[in-house]
Amino acid sequence: MLQRLWTRGAIYLLLLAFAAFYLMPFYVMIITGLKPYADVNVTRMWELPRGLYFEGALEAWTRVSPNFWNSVVITVPAALISSFIGSINGYVFAKWRFRGADTLFILFLVGMFLPYQGILIPLVLLLQRVGLYGTMTGLIMVHCIFGIPITALLFRGYYAGIPNELLDAAKIDGCGFFGIFRWILLPISMPAFAVVLLWQFTSIWNDYLISLVVLSSPRLAPINVAVQNIAGSWSVEWNVQMSAALIAALPTIVVYLLLGRLFMRGLLAGALKG
C-alpha cells in the first residue's frame, strides 16, 4: 500500500514537472506583458513585476483589436463550413460505397500532406483569376478547401462505427441520401462535430502563412499577422509584443478549457478511428 502511494506520488510529481516546463513560456509571456517597457530585461525575465502595469496590454489591444475581429470573421464561418462539408464527405465515404471509393479517399488524404509553401504560387494565381485575391471571402474559401481532407477523415471514422442496419431502416422508410444524413446521422454527430470544429478553429485561428499571402492589406489581416507586424525594425516593445501574443492565444485556450471534455468525448466516440 505504501509503495503504491509512493509510486503514484512520483508519477504526479513527474507530471507536475512536465506541466511546469510546458507552461514556462506562458509564465514569461504574462509577467513580461505586466511590466513597463523600462523593466523588461533578458537577464531579469523570470522576475515578477514590481506592480501591475497594464499599459502594454492596453497598447497591444489598441493595435490588434481590428485584426482580432478579422480573425473572428474569418475563423467562425470557415470552421463551420469546412466541418459541414467534411461531414458530407465522411458520410459518402463511410456509408455510400461505389467503385473507386477507396482510391478517391486516398487522393483526398494526399491533401493533408501537401506543404502549403509548395502551392502558394498557384493558389495566388487562382485567386487572382477568380477575383478573390486580397479578400476575406477568398481566405475563407481557401481554409474551407484545405480543411476538406482532415474533416473527411475524422467524420468517415465516426460514421464507420454507425450500424448499416440503421441506414437500411431509414431507406425502407423512404429516406434518400440527404434524408438519411439530415434525420439519422446529423442528430448523432455532435461529438464528431465537436472534435472537428475545435480542430478547424485552432488551425484556422493560428494560421499565419496563408493569411499573409492571401490578404495583401494589413487592414484585413488576422491577428497573428498583426502580432508579427508589431515588432519594429530597430527595437521591439516586448511588453506590448507579449501582451499581443497572449491576446492572440486566449481564444483557443478558452475554447479548449470550455469544450475540452466534449472534445475528449468525441475522440473516445471514435472520431479518430477508421
Protein backbone atom coordinates (compact mmCIF):
# COMPACT_ATOMS: atom_id res chain seq x y z
CA MET A 1 0.00 0.00 0.00
CA LEU A 2 2.78 2.42 0.95
CA GLN A 3 4.74 1.51 -2.16
CA ARG A 4 1.68 2.23 -4.31
CA LEU A 5 1.30 5.67 -2.71
CA TRP A 6 4.97 6.44 -3.30
CA THR A 7 4.67 5.32 -6.93
CA ARG A 8 1.56 7.42 -7.51
CA GLY A 9 3.16 10.41 -5.80
CA ALA A 10 6.25 10.10 -8.00
CA ILE A 11 4.06 9.95 -11.12
CA TYR A 12 2.17 13.08 -10.06
CA LEU A 13 5.41 14.92 -9.33
CA LEU A 14 6.76 13.96 -12.74
CA LEU A 15 3.57 15.15 -14.43
CA LEU A 16 3.69 18.42 -12.50
CA ALA A 17 7.31 18.92 -13.56
CA PHE A 18 6.39 18.39 -17.22
CA ALA A 19 3.41 20.74 -16.87
CA ALA A 20 5.59 23.44 -15.28
CA PHE A 21 8.16 23.07 -18.05
CA TYR A 22 5.42 23.35 -20.68
CA LEU A 23 3.84 26.41 -19.03
CA MET A 24 7.09 28.35 -18.58
CA PRO A 25 6.66 30.29 -21.86
CA PHE A 26 3.18 31.36 -20.76
CA TYR A 27 4.58 32.49 -17.43
CA VAL A 28 7.23 34.61 -19.14
CA MET A 29 4.65 35.96 -21.58
CA ILE A 30 2.26 37.04 -18.81
CA ILE A 31 4.77 38.64 -16.47
CA THR A 32 6.52 40.42 -19.35
CA GLY A 33 3.21 41.83 -20.51
CA LEU A 34 2.57 43.18 -17.00
CA LYS A 35 5.89 45.05 -16.81
CA PRO A 36 6.64 48.55 -18.07
CA TYR A 37 8.99 48.68 -21.03
CA ALA A 38 11.83 50.05 -18.85
CA ASP A 39 11.74 46.93 -16.63
CA VAL A 40 11.89 44.41 -19.47
CA ASN A 41 15.31 42.81 -19.46
CA VAL A 42 16.54 39.42 -20.66
CA THR A 43 18.60 38.85 -17.54
CA ARG A 44 15.56 39.50 -15.31
CA MET A 45 12.81 37.98 -17.42
CA TRP A 46 11.92 35.43 -14.70
CA GLU A 47 11.37 38.08 -12.03
CA LEU A 48 7.83 39.02 -11.11
CA PRO A 49 6.77 42.59 -11.97
CA ARG A 50 7.09 45.15 -9.17
CA GLY A 51 3.48 46.10 -9.80
CA LEU A 52 0.63 45.52 -12.21
CA TYR A 53 1.17 47.68 -15.27
CA PHE A 54 -1.49 47.30 -17.93
CA GLU A 55 -0.12 49.88 -20.33
CA GLY A 56 1.43 47.19 -22.53
CA ALA A 57 -1.80 45.20 -22.68
CA LEU A 58 -3.88 48.29 -23.48
CA GLU A 59 -1.45 49.35 -26.19
CA ALA A 60 -1.43 45.83 -27.63
CA TRP A 61 -5.24 45.68 -27.71
CA THR A 62 -5.38 49.09 -29.40
CA ARG A 63 -3.09 47.84 -32.14
CA VAL A 64 -4.52 44.37 -32.73
CA SER A 65 -8.21 44.72 -31.86
CA PRO A 66 -9.31 45.31 -35.50
CA ASN A 67 -7.32 42.27 -36.56
CA PHE A 68 -8.76 40.26 -33.67
CA TRP A 69 -12.24 40.76 -35.10
CA ASN A 70 -10.91 39.99 -38.57
CA SER A 71 -9.81 36.61 -37.21
CA VAL A 72 -13.28 36.03 -35.77
CA VAL A 73 -14.92 36.90 -39.10
CA ILE A 74 -12.56 34.52 -40.92
CA THR A 75 -12.38 31.64 -38.45
CA VAL A 76 -16.00 31.12 -37.44
CA PRO A 77 -17.57 30.71 -40.92
CA ALA A 78 -14.55 28.82 -42.26
CA ALA A 79 -14.66 26.33 -39.37
CA LEU A 80 -18.44 25.84 -39.68
CA ILE A 81 -18.48 25.48 -43.47
CA SER A 82 -15.46 23.15 -43.61
CA SER A 83 -16.92 20.99 -40.84
CA PHE A 84 -20.24 20.65 -42.67
CA ILE A 85 -18.51 19.81 -45.95
CA GLY A 86 -16.36 17.28 -44.11
CA SER A 87 -19.44 15.65 -42.60
CA ILE A 88 -20.97 15.17 -46.06
CA ASN A 89 -17.72 13.72 -47.42
CA GLY A 90 -17.29 11.43 -44.44
CA TYR A 91 -20.87 10.24 -44.85
CA VAL A 92 -20.29 9.42 -48.52
CA PHE A 93 -17.01 7.57 -47.98
CA ALA A 94 -18.30 5.65 -44.95
CA LYS A 95 -21.82 4.66 -46.00
CA TRP A 96 -22.26 5.10 -49.76
CA ARG A 97 -19.84 2.64 -51.30
CA PHE A 98 -19.05 3.00 -55.00
CA ARG A 99 -16.35 1.87 -57.39
CA GLY A 100 -13.06 3.64 -56.68
CA ALA A 101 -14.20 4.98 -53.30
CA ASP A 102 -11.05 3.87 -51.51
CA THR A 103 -8.78 5.29 -54.21
CA LEU A 104 -10.66 8.59 -54.20
CA PHE A 105 -10.44 8.73 -50.41
CA ILE A 106 -6.68 8.23 -50.56
CA LEU A 107 -6.47 11.10 -53.04
CA PHE A 108 -8.44 13.21 -50.54
CA LEU A 109 -5.91 12.37 -47.85
CA VAL A 110 -3.00 13.41 -50.06
CA GLY A 111 -4.13 16.99 -49.44
CA MET A 112 -3.19 16.60 -45.77
CA PHE A 113 0.46 16.09 -46.66
CA LEU A 114 0.94 18.82 -49.25
CA PRO A 115 3.14 21.58 -47.80
CA TYR A 116 1.49 24.98 -48.06
CA GLN A 117 4.74 26.52 -49.31
CA GLY A 118 4.58 24.35 -52.42
CA ILE A 119 1.18 25.59 -53.57
CA LEU A 120 1.35 29.28 -52.71
CA ILE A 121 2.08 30.47 -56.25
CA PRO A 122 -0.73 28.51 -57.96
CA LEU A 123 -3.03 29.45 -55.09
CA VAL A 124 -2.38 33.17 -55.60
CA LEU A 125 -2.77 32.85 -59.37
CA LEU A 126 -6.08 31.03 -58.99
CA LEU A 127 -7.46 33.58 -56.53
CA GLN A 128 -6.40 36.40 -58.83
CA ARG A 129 -8.10 34.68 -61.76
CA VAL A 130 -11.43 34.39 -59.92
CA GLY A 131 -11.17 37.86 -58.37
CA LEU A 132 -10.87 36.74 -54.73
CA TYR A 133 -7.23 37.58 -54.05
CA GLY A 134 -6.82 40.00 -51.16
CA THR A 135 -10.34 39.38 -49.81
CA MET A 136 -11.62 37.69 -46.68
CA THR A 137 -14.01 35.66 -48.81
CA GLY A 138 -11.07 34.22 -50.71
CA LEU A 139 -9.25 33.35 -47.49
CA ILE A 140 -12.35 31.68 -46.03
CA MET A 141 -12.72 29.65 -49.22
CA VAL A 142 -9.07 28.57 -49.02
CA HIS A 143 -9.42 27.42 -45.41
CA CYS A 144 -12.60 25.51 -46.27
CA ILE A 145 -10.85 23.69 -49.12
CA PHE A 146 -7.69 22.97 -47.13
CA GLY A 147 -9.85 21.56 -44.33
CA ILE A 148 -11.62 19.01 -46.54
CA PRO A 149 -9.07 16.14 -46.14
CA ILE A 150 -8.81 16.16 -42.34
CA THR A 151 -12.52 16.79 -41.76
CA ALA A 152 -13.47 14.00 -44.17
CA LEU A 153 -11.09 11.62 -42.38
CA LEU A 154 -12.49 12.43 -38.96
CA PHE A 155 -16.13 12.11 -39.98
CA ARG A 156 -15.51 8.95 -42.00
CA GLY A 157 -14.05 7.29 -38.93
CA TYR A 158 -17.01 8.36 -36.83
CA TYR A 159 -19.69 7.30 -39.33
CA ALA A 160 -17.98 3.96 -39.96
CA GLY A 161 -18.96 2.94 -36.43
CA ILE A 162 -22.68 3.51 -37.04
CA PRO A 163 -24.56 0.27 -37.88
CA ASN A 164 -25.62 -0.05 -41.51
CA GLU A 165 -28.92 -1.53 -40.35
CA LEU A 166 -29.91 1.90 -39.08
CA LEU A 167 -29.45 3.39 -42.54
CA ASP A 168 -31.21 0.45 -44.20
CA ALA A 169 -34.25 1.04 -41.96
CA ALA A 170 -34.26 4.70 -42.96
CA LYS A 171 -34.16 3.75 -46.65
CA ILE A 172 -37.15 1.45 -46.13
CA ASP A 173 -39.00 4.40 -44.56
CA GLY A 174 -38.37 6.43 -47.71
CA CYS A 175 -35.29 8.49 -46.78
CA GLY A 176 -32.90 9.31 -49.56
CA PHE A 177 -29.29 10.47 -49.48
CA PHE A 178 -29.90 13.78 -47.75
CA GLY A 179 -32.83 12.46 -45.72
CA ILE A 180 -30.62 9.86 -44.04
CA PHE A 181 -27.99 12.47 -43.31
CA ARG A 182 -30.49 15.05 -42.01
CA TRP A 183 -32.67 12.80 -39.85
CA ILE A 184 -30.37 9.95 -38.85
CA LEU A 185 -26.69 10.90 -38.90
CA LEU A 186 -26.73 14.62 -38.18
CA PRO A 187 -28.51 14.38 -34.78
CA ILE A 188 -25.97 11.82 -33.50
CA SER A 189 -22.92 13.59 -34.96
CA MET A 190 -22.45 16.21 -32.25
CA PRO A 191 -19.38 14.51 -30.68
CA ALA A 192 -17.72 14.35 -34.10
CA PHE A 193 -18.67 17.95 -34.84
CA ALA A 194 -17.12 18.99 -31.52
CA VAL A 195 -13.81 17.37 -32.46
CA VAL A 196 -13.76 18.73 -36.00
CA LEU A 197 -14.88 22.24 -35.06
CA LEU A 198 -12.23 22.52 -32.35
CA TRP A 199 -9.58 21.21 -34.72
CA GLN A 200 -10.58 23.57 -37.50
CA PHE A 201 -11.00 26.55 -35.18
CA THR A 202 -7.50 26.08 -33.81
CA SER A 203 -5.90 25.51 -37.22
CA ILE A 204 -7.56 28.49 -38.87
CA TRP A 205 -7.13 30.87 -35.94
CA ASN A 206 -3.42 30.06 -35.64
CA ASP A 207 -2.75 30.34 -39.37
CA TYR A 208 -0.10 32.84 -40.39
CA LEU A 209 1.40 31.87 -43.73
CA ILE A 210 -1.78 31.55 -45.82
CA SER A 211 -3.26 34.72 -44.33
CA LEU A 212 -0.07 36.66 -45.01
CA VAL A 213 -0.02 35.58 -48.65
CA VAL A 214 -3.73 35.79 -49.49
CA LEU A 215 -4.55 39.05 -47.70
CA SER A 216 -2.30 41.75 -49.08
CA SER A 217 -3.84 44.53 -46.96
CA PRO A 218 -2.75 44.89 -43.29
CA ARG A 219 -6.23 46.29 -42.59
CA LEU A 220 -7.80 42.90 -43.40
CA ALA A 221 -5.06 40.77 -41.82
CA PRO A 222 -5.91 38.37 -38.96
CA ILE A 223 -4.42 38.78 -35.53
CA ASN A 224 -1.35 36.58 -35.99
CA VAL A 225 -0.13 38.75 -38.84
CA ALA A 226 -0.79 41.86 -36.74
CA VAL A 227 1.19 40.45 -33.82
CA GLN A 228 4.16 39.86 -36.08
CA ASN A 229 3.84 43.38 -37.51
CA ILE A 230 4.14 44.93 -34.03
CA ALA A 231 7.84 44.13 -33.99
CA GLY A 232 9.75 47.18 -35.19
CA SER A 233 12.79 47.27 -37.44
CA TRP A 234 15.16 48.62 -34.77
CA SER A 235 13.58 47.77 -31.43
CA VAL A 236 10.75 45.65 -30.02
CA GLU A 237 8.42 46.72 -27.23
CA TRP A 238 8.49 43.33 -25.58
CA ASN A 239 5.73 44.08 -23.10
CA VAL A 240 3.41 45.07 -25.95
CA GLN A 241 4.55 42.14 -28.10
CA MET A 242 3.96 39.60 -25.31
CA SER A 243 0.56 41.07 -24.48
CA ALA A 244 -0.46 40.91 -28.13
CA ALA A 245 0.70 37.29 -28.35
CA LEU A 246 -1.36 36.45 -25.25
CA ILE A 247 -4.42 38.15 -26.75
CA ALA A 248 -3.95 36.06 -29.90
CA ALA A 249 -3.67 32.85 -27.88
CA LEU A 250 -6.58 33.45 -25.49
CA PRO A 251 -9.50 32.41 -27.76
CA THR A 252 -8.11 28.94 -28.46
CA ILE A 253 -7.19 28.47 -24.78
CA VAL A 254 -10.68 29.48 -23.66
CA VAL A 255 -12.36 27.27 -26.26
CA TYR A 256 -10.38 24.21 -25.16
CA LEU A 257 -10.97 24.91 -21.48
CA LEU A 258 -14.73 25.20 -22.06
CA LEU A 259 -15.13 22.36 -24.56
CA GLY A 260 -12.21 20.11 -23.70
CA ARG A 261 -14.42 17.44 -22.13
CA LEU A 262 -16.68 17.42 -25.19
CA PHE A 263 -13.57 17.16 -27.34
CA MET A 264 -12.36 14.10 -25.45
CA ARG A 265 -15.82 12.55 -25.61
CA GLY A 266 -15.77 12.94 -29.37
CA LEU A 267 -12.35 11.32 -29.61
CA LEU A 268 -13.47 8.39 -27.48
CA ALA A 269 -16.64 8.06 -29.54
CA GLY A 270 -14.48 7.07 -32.48
CA ALA A 271 -13.84 10.30 -34.36
CA LEU A 272 -10.19 9.35 -34.90
CA LYS A 273 -10.76 5.72 -35.76
CA GLY A 274 -11.00 4.32 -39.21
